[in-house]
Amino acid sequence: MNRNNSNNWIQQRDNFFTIQARDLQADIFMVTNLAEEILAGNVASLDIFSDDPVFDLYNQTLMQMMTFHDRIFGVPAHTFPSGVFVNYTLARANDIKIPPVDWTTEQFIDFVSHHEPHQWYGSWMVPLGLFERGTLDFDYQLLWREENESFVRMDTPAMRQIQHLAMQMAGHTFITNHDQGRTSHEFFLQHVAIDWAAGDGGMWRAFSSGVLLAFPLPNAAFLQISPFGSPRHPSRPQMAEWDYLPRPSTEWIGNHIGTEMIPFAIRNYAMDDDDPALSPEEYTRLKIAWEFLRFFTTDIRAWQAMSAFEYGPYRLSALDSFPFVSGQLFYDKMDILLETESWQIFQNQSNFPGFHYVVQLWEQGQNFGLSRNAFPMTANREVDQAIVQTYIPLEWTLRLRGDTQVGVPITHPEWADRMNNDMLPEWDRRFNQRWQERFDELYTVIQRYYPMLIRPGEGR
């Protein structure tokens, strides 16, 4: 079993191997790249417990992100909805129409298509990742595709129309204006430059200080929302009226939210003896670990225990995650979450209708924006530098700001046509090829490390 996969430099994984090198073994651990752990044979397949009714409690969209070739390799450890922060105070001060919480892409674009140079801007950047998830062709297709379907569909009428929509807001973003020399140095220092002492800076500081109308949350930008509701935390929004809305609907898909998630995994006990078959002792250890994990992730008593713990100088709650479950249990856990000091600000639905709509969509499983920690988003093995990774929205957005690939900046009238005609067809081919290679690789490894497991004594 390969215990030294050099492709993953995440500290948590390094710590995992350091523990094992000292003859200590981590039984349950968080992972920041589940696919890499599967390829290394480090995490157990949970299908042996598939008849456990607890699986019916988990948010099924989250579980789909950790299921490969019909095998389950993790359960949620930390989850957070990726939506759009909106600044109502700034909008009202400038007579900008407040959109409804179930807004459309057209309403979103209209809302952020305002700015006053050197004073405030519509958004931080063009959220191409948000737009791409407004179709059924990328994240949704990756998650719910049928067997033998393509992994993504880049070259479609929907995707081409999305590029034109993106251009409509480009001139009103901070990044575009900054790139074109239309932001003052004083504005940058006051509202953007990082203040390490306060733990604040960059994209979020621009919104929290009140100079952005909207801030579509980039994937992996934040892993908790509790600092934003904490009455003492320096990162809390400074404006009087703000909210957290879902991603806007399009003609192809309704309101939805993305997903930030860190999975829990159980160590692959079956490989302790380098034999993928489970011995009675290995099964017993796996069963004990599973019993604890199922309790920790679904039992309301575990949730209550975490709610009683606060940490740090700002008394942040240890409950900094949305519940991982669905149904009434989800709402019971949300009630406990909203009782903590870090989250109490969101209790009043009349003040935060968007947040409560996000809660509803999350419970319903409308959170198909993929989490890169769970889903194999980085299949970049020795590929050319034209597309550094299979798909990372922020990096893609940064590349498309300039002329390195498209030839003109996003504000140029020809940008969308060049993107549609020159880039999307080739990206469709490359992306699908790389995901096919990735899933073929996963299939091979699953056959090696994870044969169809049988409980000891049940026969084969």
Protein backbone atom coordinates (compact mmCIF):
# COMPACT_ATOMS: atom_id res chain seq x y z
CA MET A 1 0.00 0.00 0.00
CA ASN A 2 1.43 3.35 -1.04
CA ARG A 3 1.77 5.54 2.04
CA ASN A 4 3.89 8.24 0.43
CA ASN A 5 1.86 9.71 -2.39
CA SER A 6 3.82 12.84 -3.26
CA ASN A 7 0.97 14.41 -5.24
CA ASN A 8 -0.73 15.64 -2.08
CA TRP A 9 0.99 18.27 0.03
CA ILE A 10 -1.85 18.93 2.44
CA GLN A 11 -0.64 19.20 6.02
CA GLN A 12 -3.41 17.05 7.40
CA ARG A 13 -2.31 14.21 5.16
CA ASP A 14 1.33 14.69 6.15
CA ASN A 15 0.26 14.50 9.77
CA PHE A 16 -1.62 11.28 9.03
CA PHE A 17 1.49 9.60 7.72
CA THR A 18 3.64 11.03 10.52
CA ILE A 19 1.30 9.41 13.03
CA GLN A 20 1.55 6.07 11.27
CA ALA A 21 5.35 6.32 11.10
CA ARG A 22 5.33 6.46 14.90
CA ASP A 23 3.32 3.24 15.04
CA LEU A 24 0.18 5.17 15.93
CA GLN A 25 -2.83 4.82 13.70
CA ALA A 26 -5.50 7.41 13.00
CA ASP A 27 -8.85 5.62 12.85
CA ILE A 28 -11.05 8.52 11.71
CA PHE A 29 -9.68 11.61 10.02
CA MET A 30 -10.68 14.54 7.83
CA VAL A 31 -9.43 14.55 4.27
CA THR A 32 -8.83 17.45 1.93
CA ASN A 33 -8.61 15.34 -1.23
CA LEU A 34 -10.71 12.20 -0.97
CA ALA A 35 -9.80 10.93 -4.45
CA GLU A 36 -6.09 10.97 -3.62
CA GLU A 37 -6.74 9.01 -0.42
CA ILE A 38 -8.68 6.40 -2.39
CA LEU A 39 -5.87 6.12 -4.93
CA ALA A 40 -3.44 5.50 -2.07
CA GLY A 41 -5.74 2.90 -0.48
CA ASN A 42 -5.85 4.88 2.75
CA VAL A 43 -9.61 5.12 3.38
CA ALA A 44 -12.15 2.39 3.96
CA SER A 45 -15.08 1.67 1.69
CA LEU A 46 -18.28 2.13 3.71
CA ASP A 47 -20.48 -0.01 1.48
CA ILE A 48 -20.21 -2.85 3.94
CA PHE A 49 -22.58 -0.81 6.11
CA SER A 50 -24.89 0.22 3.27
CA ASP A 51 -27.89 -1.41 4.97
CA ASP A 52 -27.47 0.91 7.96
CA PRO A 53 -30.56 3.18 8.04
CA VAL A 54 -28.30 6.08 9.04
CA PHE A 55 -27.40 6.49 5.37
CA ASP A 56 -30.97 7.62 4.76
CA LEU A 57 -30.39 10.53 7.15
CA TYR A 58 -27.44 12.04 5.30
CA ASN A 59 -27.89 14.78 2.72
CA GLN A 60 -27.96 12.65 -0.43
CA THR A 61 -26.31 15.29 -2.62
CA LEU A 62 -23.37 15.46 -0.24
CA MET A 63 -23.09 11.67 -0.23
CA GLN A 64 -23.12 11.59 -4.04
CA MET A 65 -19.94 13.68 -4.01
CA MET A 66 -18.15 10.92 -2.10
CA THR A 67 -19.42 7.99 -4.17
CA PHE A 68 -17.25 6.64 -6.97
CA HIS A 69 -18.11 3.62 -9.10
CA ASP A 70 -21.04 3.02 -6.72
CA ARG A 71 -18.74 2.79 -3.70
CA ILE A 72 -19.05 5.14 -0.70
CA PHE A 73 -15.78 6.41 0.78
CA GLY A 74 -16.73 9.13 3.23
CA VAL A 75 -19.36 11.02 5.16
CA PRO A 76 -19.57 14.78 5.72
CA ALA A 77 -17.44 16.30 8.47
CA HIS A 78 -17.83 20.00 7.75
CA THR A 79 -20.22 21.58 5.28
CA PHE A 80 -21.05 25.11 4.27
CA PRO A 81 -23.34 26.52 1.55
CA SER A 82 -21.61 28.61 -1.10
CA GLY A 83 -23.91 31.44 -2.13
CA VAL A 84 -23.88 35.22 -2.55
CA PHE A 85 -23.48 37.88 0.15
CA VAL A 86 -25.46 41.04 -0.65
CA ASN A 87 -25.12 44.57 0.76
CA TYR A 88 -28.57 46.12 1.16
CA THR A 89 -27.26 49.22 2.94
CA LEU A 90 -25.11 50.21 -0.05
CA ALA A 91 -27.95 49.46 -2.46
CA ARG A 92 -30.49 51.59 -0.60
CA ALA A 93 -28.02 54.47 -0.31
CA ASN A 94 -27.67 54.53 -4.10
CA ASP A 95 -31.31 53.86 -5.04
CA ILE A 96 -30.53 50.42 -6.46
CA LYS A 97 -33.44 48.01 -6.58
CA ILE A 98 -33.21 45.25 -3.99
CA PRO A 99 -33.59 41.84 -5.64
CA PRO A 100 -35.83 39.08 -4.20
CA VAL A 101 -34.16 36.18 -2.44
CA ASP A 102 -35.25 33.83 -5.22
CA TRP A 103 -33.53 36.05 -7.76
CA THR A 104 -32.79 35.25 -11.37
CA THR A 105 -29.50 35.69 -13.22
CA GLU A 106 -30.95 38.74 -14.95
CA GLN A 107 -31.80 40.28 -11.56
CA PHE A 108 -28.35 39.43 -10.26
CA ILE A 109 -26.65 41.09 -13.23
CA ASP A 110 -28.92 44.14 -12.93
CA PHE A 111 -28.08 44.41 -9.22
CA VAL A 112 -24.30 44.29 -9.63
CA SER A 113 -24.19 46.40 -12.80
CA HIS A 114 -23.63 49.56 -10.81
CA HIS A 115 -20.53 51.19 -9.41
CA GLU A 116 -19.06 54.54 -8.50
CA PRO A 117 -15.34 54.63 -9.35
CA HIS A 118 -13.02 54.82 -6.33
CA GLN A 119 -16.01 54.49 -3.96
CA TRP A 120 -17.78 51.14 -4.49
CA TYR A 121 -18.25 48.35 -7.04
CA GLY A 122 -20.89 45.84 -8.06
CA SER A 123 -18.86 42.72 -7.30
CA TRP A 124 -15.30 41.62 -6.66
CA MET A 125 -14.88 39.90 -10.02
CA VAL A 126 -16.90 38.23 -12.74
CA PRO A 127 -18.08 35.04 -11.03
CA LEU A 128 -17.67 32.69 -13.97
CA GLY A 129 -17.83 29.73 -11.61
CA LEU A 130 -21.26 30.90 -10.46
CA PHE A 131 -22.43 31.29 -14.05
CA GLU A 132 -21.16 27.90 -15.14
CA ARG A 133 -23.17 26.29 -12.36
CA GLY A 134 -26.23 28.00 -13.76
CA THR A 135 -26.53 25.26 -16.37
CA LEU A 136 -26.97 21.51 -16.23
CA ASP A 137 -23.78 21.02 -18.19
CA PHE A 138 -20.96 21.13 -15.66
CA ASP A 139 -21.22 20.50 -11.91
CA TYR A 140 -24.72 19.07 -12.19
CA GLN A 141 -23.67 16.83 -15.07
CA LEU A 142 -20.57 15.64 -13.21
CA LEU A 143 -22.63 14.73 -10.17
CA TRP A 144 -25.71 13.13 -11.72
CA ARG A 145 -24.60 11.94 -15.17
CA GLU A 146 -25.84 8.60 -16.43
CA GLU A 147 -23.42 5.81 -17.27
CA ASN A 148 -21.64 6.37 -20.59
CA GLU A 149 -22.61 10.06 -20.69
CA SER A 150 -19.91 12.68 -21.01
CA PHE A 151 -18.57 14.07 -17.75
CA VAL A 152 -19.17 17.70 -18.78
CA ARG A 153 -20.71 19.50 -21.74
CA MET A 154 -18.80 22.71 -22.36
CA ASP A 155 -19.85 23.37 -25.96
CA THR A 156 -23.61 23.84 -25.59
CA PRO A 157 -26.04 26.70 -26.29
CA ALA A 158 -26.45 27.20 -22.53
CA MET A 159 -22.73 27.49 -21.90
CA ARG A 160 -22.29 29.84 -24.84
CA GLN A 161 -25.09 32.09 -23.62
CA ILE A 162 -23.54 32.14 -20.14
CA GLN A 163 -20.38 33.74 -21.54
CA HIS A 164 -22.41 36.63 -22.94
CA LEU A 165 -24.18 37.07 -19.61
CA ALA A 166 -20.84 37.26 -17.82
CA MET A 167 -19.66 40.16 -19.96
CA GLN A 168 -22.62 42.31 -18.88
CA MET A 169 -21.23 42.83 -15.39
CA ALA A 170 -17.49 42.83 -16.13
CA GLY A 171 -17.06 46.60 -16.18
CA HIS A 172 -18.62 46.97 -12.73
CA THR A 173 -16.27 44.64 -10.83
CA PHE A 174 -13.37 45.75 -8.68
CA ILE A 175 -10.90 43.38 -10.37
CA THR A 176 -11.67 44.57 -13.90
CA ASN A 177 -11.42 48.23 -12.90
CA HIS A 178 -8.24 47.54 -10.95
CA ASP A 179 -6.67 45.71 -13.91
CA GLN A 180 -7.46 48.65 -16.16
CA GLY A 181 -6.03 51.22 -13.74
CA ARG A 182 -9.36 52.69 -12.69
CA THR A 183 -9.09 52.16 -8.93
CA SER A 184 -7.21 54.49 -6.64
CA HIS A 185 -4.32 53.36 -4.46
CA GLU A 186 -6.08 54.92 -1.48
CA PHE A 187 -9.20 52.81 -2.10
CA PHE A 188 -7.09 49.66 -2.31
CA LEU A 189 -5.27 50.36 0.96
CA GLN A 190 -8.46 51.20 2.83
CA HIS A 191 -10.76 48.44 1.61
CA VAL A 192 -8.70 45.65 0.10
CA ALA A 193 -5.15 45.47 1.44
CA ILE A 194 -4.68 42.65 3.92
CA ASP A 195 -4.57 43.48 7.61
CA TRP A 196 -2.97 40.36 9.06
CA ALA A 197 -3.40 41.56 12.64
CA ALA A 198 -7.15 41.64 12.19
CA GLY A 199 -7.24 38.44 10.20
CA ASP A 200 -8.99 40.32 7.44
CA GLY A 201 -8.23 41.18 3.87
CA GLY A 202 -8.68 40.80 0.15
CA MET A 203 -12.00 39.77 -1.32
CA TRP A 204 -13.90 39.47 1.95
CA ARG A 205 -12.58 42.73 3.36
CA ALA A 206 -13.91 44.57 0.32
CA PHE A 207 -17.39 43.26 1.06
CA SER A 208 -17.32 43.47 4.85
CA SER A 209 -16.13 47.08 4.75
CA GLY A 210 -19.19 47.94 2.65
CA VAL A 211 -17.81 48.76 -0.81
CA LEU A 212 -19.23 45.82 -2.78
CA LEU A 213 -22.91 45.33 -3.63
CA ALA A 214 -22.47 41.57 -3.84
CA PHE A 215 -19.87 38.96 -3.11
CA PRO A 216 -20.43 35.55 -4.74
CA LEU A 217 -18.56 33.21 -2.47
CA PRO A 218 -15.71 31.51 -4.33
CA ASN A 219 -15.22 27.82 -3.68
CA ALA A 220 -12.88 27.14 -0.77
CA ALA A 221 -12.70 30.85 0.09
CA PHE A 222 -14.22 30.34 3.52
CA LEU A 223 -14.99 27.24 5.50
CA GLN A 224 -17.26 28.76 8.09
CA ILE A 225 -19.79 31.55 8.38
CA SER A 226 -19.82 32.02 12.16
CA PRO A 227 -17.22 34.86 12.18
CA PHE A 228 -19.55 36.88 9.96
CA GLY A 229 -22.32 36.68 12.54
CA SER A 230 -20.16 37.04 15.63
CA PRO A 231 -20.75 40.37 17.41
CA ARG A 232 -17.03 40.68 18.24
CA HIS A 233 -15.19 39.25 15.25
CA PRO A 234 -13.32 41.86 13.10
CA SER A 235 -14.46 40.11 9.89
CA ARG A 236 -18.15 40.69 10.53
CA PRO A 237 -19.90 42.89 7.93
CA GLN A 238 -19.86 46.53 8.94
CA MET A 239 -23.05 47.53 7.14
CA ALA A 240 -26.44 47.55 8.90
CA GLU A 241 -28.36 45.52 6.31
CA TRP A 242 -26.96 42.50 4.51
CA ASP A 243 -27.99 38.95 3.70
CA TYR A 244 -26.80 35.67 2.23
CA LEU A 245 -28.65 34.55 -0.91
CA PRO A 246 -28.49 31.40 -3.05
CA ARG A 247 -27.05 31.38 -6.51
CA PRO A 248 -29.49 33.00 -8.95
CA SER A 249 -31.71 30.86 -11.13
CA THR A 250 -31.35 30.64 -14.89
CA GLU A 251 -33.60 29.32 -17.64
CA TRP A 252 -31.87 25.96 -17.15
CA ILE A 253 -31.87 25.57 -13.38
CA GLY A 254 -33.54 27.03 -10.30
CA ASN A 255 -32.00 28.68 -7.27
CA HIS A 256 -29.28 26.52 -5.79
CA ILE A 257 -26.14 26.68 -3.69
CA GLY A 258 -22.62 25.41 -3.95
CA THR A 259 -20.95 23.20 -1.38
CA GLU A 260 -17.87 23.57 0.73
CA MET A 261 -17.20 20.25 2.43
CA ILE A 262 -14.48 18.39 4.27
CA PRO A 263 -15.19 14.66 4.40
CA PHE A 264 -14.64 12.27 7.27
CA ALA A 265 -13.00 8.99 6.33
CA ILE A 266 -12.15 5.80 8.20
CA ARG A 267 -8.74 4.24 7.83
CA ASN A 268 -8.67 1.24 5.51
CA TYR A 269 -8.17 -1.47 8.13
CA ALA A 270 -8.42 -4.13 5.43
CA MET A 271 -4.95 -3.20 4.20
CA ASP A 272 -3.26 -3.46 7.60
CA ASP A 273 -2.03 -6.88 6.52
CA ASP A 274 -1.68 -5.89 2.83
CA ASP A 275 -4.64 -8.16 2.04
CA PRO A 276 -7.78 -6.30 0.90
CA ALA A 277 -10.02 -9.00 2.38
CA LEU A 278 -11.38 -8.11 5.83
CA SER A 279 -10.27 -10.40 8.60
CA PRO A 280 -12.56 -10.76 11.64
CA GLU A 281 -10.29 -8.47 13.66
CA GLU A 282 -10.14 -5.85 10.92
CA TYR A 283 -13.90 -5.91 10.54
CA THR A 284 -14.37 -5.44 14.30
CA ARG A 285 -12.11 -2.38 14.28
CA LEU A 286 -13.88 -0.99 11.23
CA LYS A 287 -17.27 -1.55 12.86
CA ILE A 288 -16.21 0.27 16.04
CA ALA A 289 -14.93 3.25 14.04
CA TRP A 290 -18.15 3.33 12.01
CA GLU A 291 -20.31 3.30 15.13
CA PHE A 292 -18.48 6.34 16.48
CA LEU A 293 -18.56 8.16 13.15
CA ARG A 294 -22.28 7.60 12.60
CA PHE A 295 -22.96 8.88 16.13
CA PHE A 296 -20.77 11.94 15.71
CA THR A 297 -22.26 12.95 12.35
CA THR A 298 -25.96 12.20 12.86
CA ASP A 299 -26.85 11.94 16.55
CA ILE A 300 -28.32 15.15 17.93
CA ARG A 301 -26.51 14.59 21.24
CA ALA A 302 -23.16 15.03 19.52
CA TRP A 303 -24.46 18.22 17.91
CA GLN A 304 -25.60 19.53 21.29
CA ALA A 305 -22.21 18.77 22.84
CA MET A 306 -20.42 20.77 20.14
CA SER A 307 -22.82 23.67 20.56
CA ALA A 308 -21.69 24.05 24.18
CA PHE A 309 -18.08 24.65 23.17
CA GLU A 310 -16.66 28.05 22.20
CA TYR A 311 -13.10 28.87 21.27
CA GLY A 312 -10.79 31.82 20.66
CA PRO A 313 -10.92 35.46 21.73
CA TYR A 314 -14.13 36.05 19.74
CA ARG A 315 -15.98 33.10 21.34
CA LEU A 316 -16.73 31.39 18.06
CA SER A 317 -18.93 28.33 18.25
CA ALA A 318 -17.47 24.89 17.58
CA LEU A 319 -20.61 24.45 15.49
CA ASP A 320 -19.34 26.24 12.38
CA SER A 321 -20.99 23.90 9.88
CA PHE A 322 -24.43 23.32 8.42
CA PRO A 323 -25.98 19.98 9.47
CA PHE A 324 -25.06 17.05 7.22
CA VAL A 325 -28.50 15.46 7.43
CA SER A 326 -31.94 16.07 5.93
CA GLY A 327 -35.57 16.00 6.99
CA GLN A 328 -36.77 17.02 10.45
CA LEU A 329 -33.42 16.13 12.00
CA PHE A 330 -31.82 18.83 9.86
CA TYR A 331 -34.16 21.50 11.21
CA ASP A 332 -33.74 20.26 14.78
CA LYS A 333 -30.00 20.67 14.40
CA MET A 334 -30.39 24.09 12.76
CA ASP A 335 -32.39 25.24 15.80
CA ILE A 336 -29.46 24.27 18.02
CA LEU A 337 -27.00 25.94 15.68
CA LEU A 338 -28.92 29.22 15.67
CA GLU A 339 -28.93 29.31 19.47
CA THR A 340 -25.15 29.72 19.60
CA GLU A 341 -23.84 33.26 19.88
CA SER A 342 -21.98 33.09 16.56
CA TRP A 343 -25.19 32.28 14.69
CA GLN A 344 -27.91 34.08 16.65
CA ILE A 345 -27.89 37.01 14.25
CA PHE A 346 -29.52 34.77 11.62
CA GLN A 347 -32.46 33.74 13.80
CA ASN A 348 -34.69 36.59 12.65
CA GLN A 349 -36.04 35.50 9.28
CA SER A 350 -37.36 38.96 8.48
CA ASN A 351 -33.79 40.33 8.71
CA PHE A 352 -32.19 37.45 6.83
CA PRO A 353 -34.78 35.99 4.44
CA GLY A 354 -32.08 34.98 1.98
CA PHE A 355 -30.20 32.98 4.59
CA HIS A 356 -33.36 31.11 5.54
CA TYR A 357 -34.04 30.38 1.88
CA VAL A 358 -30.50 28.97 1.62
CA VAL A 359 -31.27 26.76 4.63
CA GLN A 360 -34.36 25.42 2.88
CA LEU A 361 -32.53 24.74 -0.39
CA TRP A 362 -29.71 22.99 1.46
CA GLU A 363 -32.08 20.60 3.23
CA GLN A 364 -33.78 19.86 -0.08
CA GLY A 365 -30.45 18.85 -1.64
CA GLN A 366 -30.22 21.81 -4.04
CA ASN A 367 -26.51 22.08 -3.24
CA PHE A 368 -24.95 20.37 -6.20
CA GLY A 369 -22.00 22.74 -6.63
CA LEU A 370 -19.16 20.26 -6.22
CA SER A 371 -16.73 20.30 -3.33
CA ARG A 372 -13.15 19.88 -4.51
CA ASN A 373 -12.23 18.16 -1.23
CA ALA A 374 -14.63 15.32 -1.96
CA PHE A 375 -14.94 15.12 -5.73
CA PRO A 376 -11.81 14.57 -7.89
CA MET A 377 -11.53 18.10 -9.20
CA THR A 378 -7.78 18.07 -9.82
CA ALA A 379 -6.76 15.60 -12.48
CA ASN A 380 -3.71 17.54 -13.59
CA ARG A 381 -1.07 14.80 -13.86
CA GLU A 382 1.68 16.20 -16.12
CA VAL A 383 -0.69 18.19 -18.29
CA ASP A 384 0.14 21.25 -20.34
CA GLN A 385 -0.04 24.65 -18.72
CA ALA A 386 -2.92 25.91 -20.90
CA ILE A 387 -5.34 24.59 -18.30
CA VAL A 388 -3.43 24.03 -15.07
CA GLN A 389 -6.12 21.98 -13.42
CA THR A 390 -9.18 20.19 -14.68
CA TYR A 391 -11.44 22.92 -13.38
CA ILE A 392 -10.96 25.47 -10.66
CA PRO A 393 -13.34 28.39 -11.08
CA LEU A 394 -11.17 31.06 -9.45
CA GLU A 395 -8.08 30.23 -11.47
CA TRP A 396 -10.15 30.01 -14.61
CA THR A 397 -11.61 33.43 -13.87
CA LEU A 398 -8.18 34.94 -13.29
CA ARG A 399 -6.86 33.54 -16.56
CA LEU A 400 -9.80 34.85 -18.54
CA ARG A 401 -9.33 38.38 -17.20
CA GLY A 402 -6.35 38.84 -19.50
CA ASP A 403 -5.50 37.89 -23.05
CA THR A 404 -3.36 34.80 -22.37
CA GLN A 405 -5.91 32.43 -23.90
CA VAL A 406 -8.88 34.31 -25.28
CA GLY A 407 -6.75 37.06 -26.81
CA VAL A 408 -8.78 39.95 -25.40
CA PRO A 409 -9.93 40.90 -21.87
CA ILE A 410 -13.42 40.03 -20.73
CA THR A 411 -14.63 43.60 -21.27
CA HIS A 412 -13.81 43.42 -25.00
CA PRO A 413 -16.86 43.00 -27.29
CA GLU A 414 -15.28 39.96 -28.94
CA TRP A 415 -14.48 38.12 -25.71
CA ALA A 416 -17.57 35.89 -25.53
CA ASP A 417 -17.47 34.95 -29.23
CA ARG A 418 -13.79 34.05 -29.02
CA MET A 419 -14.46 32.03 -25.90
CA ASN A 420 -17.36 30.19 -27.50
CA ASN A 421 -15.70 29.53 -30.85
CA ASP A 422 -12.07 29.00 -29.88
CA MET A 423 -12.05 27.73 -26.29
CA LEU A 424 -15.19 25.81 -25.35
CA PRO A 425 -14.96 23.03 -27.96
CA GLU A 426 -11.34 22.25 -27.06
CA TRP A 427 -12.00 22.54 -23.33
CA ASP A 428 -14.89 20.12 -23.72
CA ARG A 429 -12.56 17.57 -25.25
CA ARG A 430 -9.76 18.06 -22.73
CA PHE A 431 -11.94 18.11 -19.64
CA ASN A 432 -13.78 14.94 -20.60
CA GLN A 433 -10.55 13.18 -21.49
CA ARG A 434 -9.01 14.02 -18.13
CA TRP A 435 -12.02 13.01 -16.09
CA GLN A 436 -12.22 9.77 -18.03
CA GLU A 437 -8.60 9.07 -17.17
CA ARG A 438 -9.24 9.96 -13.54
CA PHE A 439 -12.25 7.70 -13.17
CA ASP A 440 -10.51 4.87 -15.00
CA GLU A 441 -7.67 5.25 -12.52
CA LEU A 442 -10.10 5.21 -9.62
CA TYR A 443 -11.80 2.12 -11.00
CA THR A 444 -8.50 0.25 -11.25
CA VAL A 445 -7.52 1.16 -7.71
CA ILE A 446 -10.93 0.29 -6.31
CA GLN A 447 -10.63 -3.18 -7.81
CA ARG A 448 -7.23 -3.55 -6.16
CA TYR A 449 -7.77 -2.12 -2.68
CA TYR A 450 -11.53 -2.36 -2.38
CA PRO A 451 -12.94 -5.64 -3.71
CA MET A 452 -16.58 -6.23 -2.88
CA LEU A 453 -16.21 -6.53 0.84
CA ILE A 454 -17.94 -9.32 2.70
CA ARG A 455 -18.49 -9.38 6.43
CA PRO A 456 -16.42 -12.17 7.96
CA GLY A 457 -18.51 -15.30 8.32
CA GLU A 458 -21.01 -14.34 5.59
CA GLY A 459 -19.20 -16.16 2.79
CA ARG A 460 -18.48 -14.88 -0.70
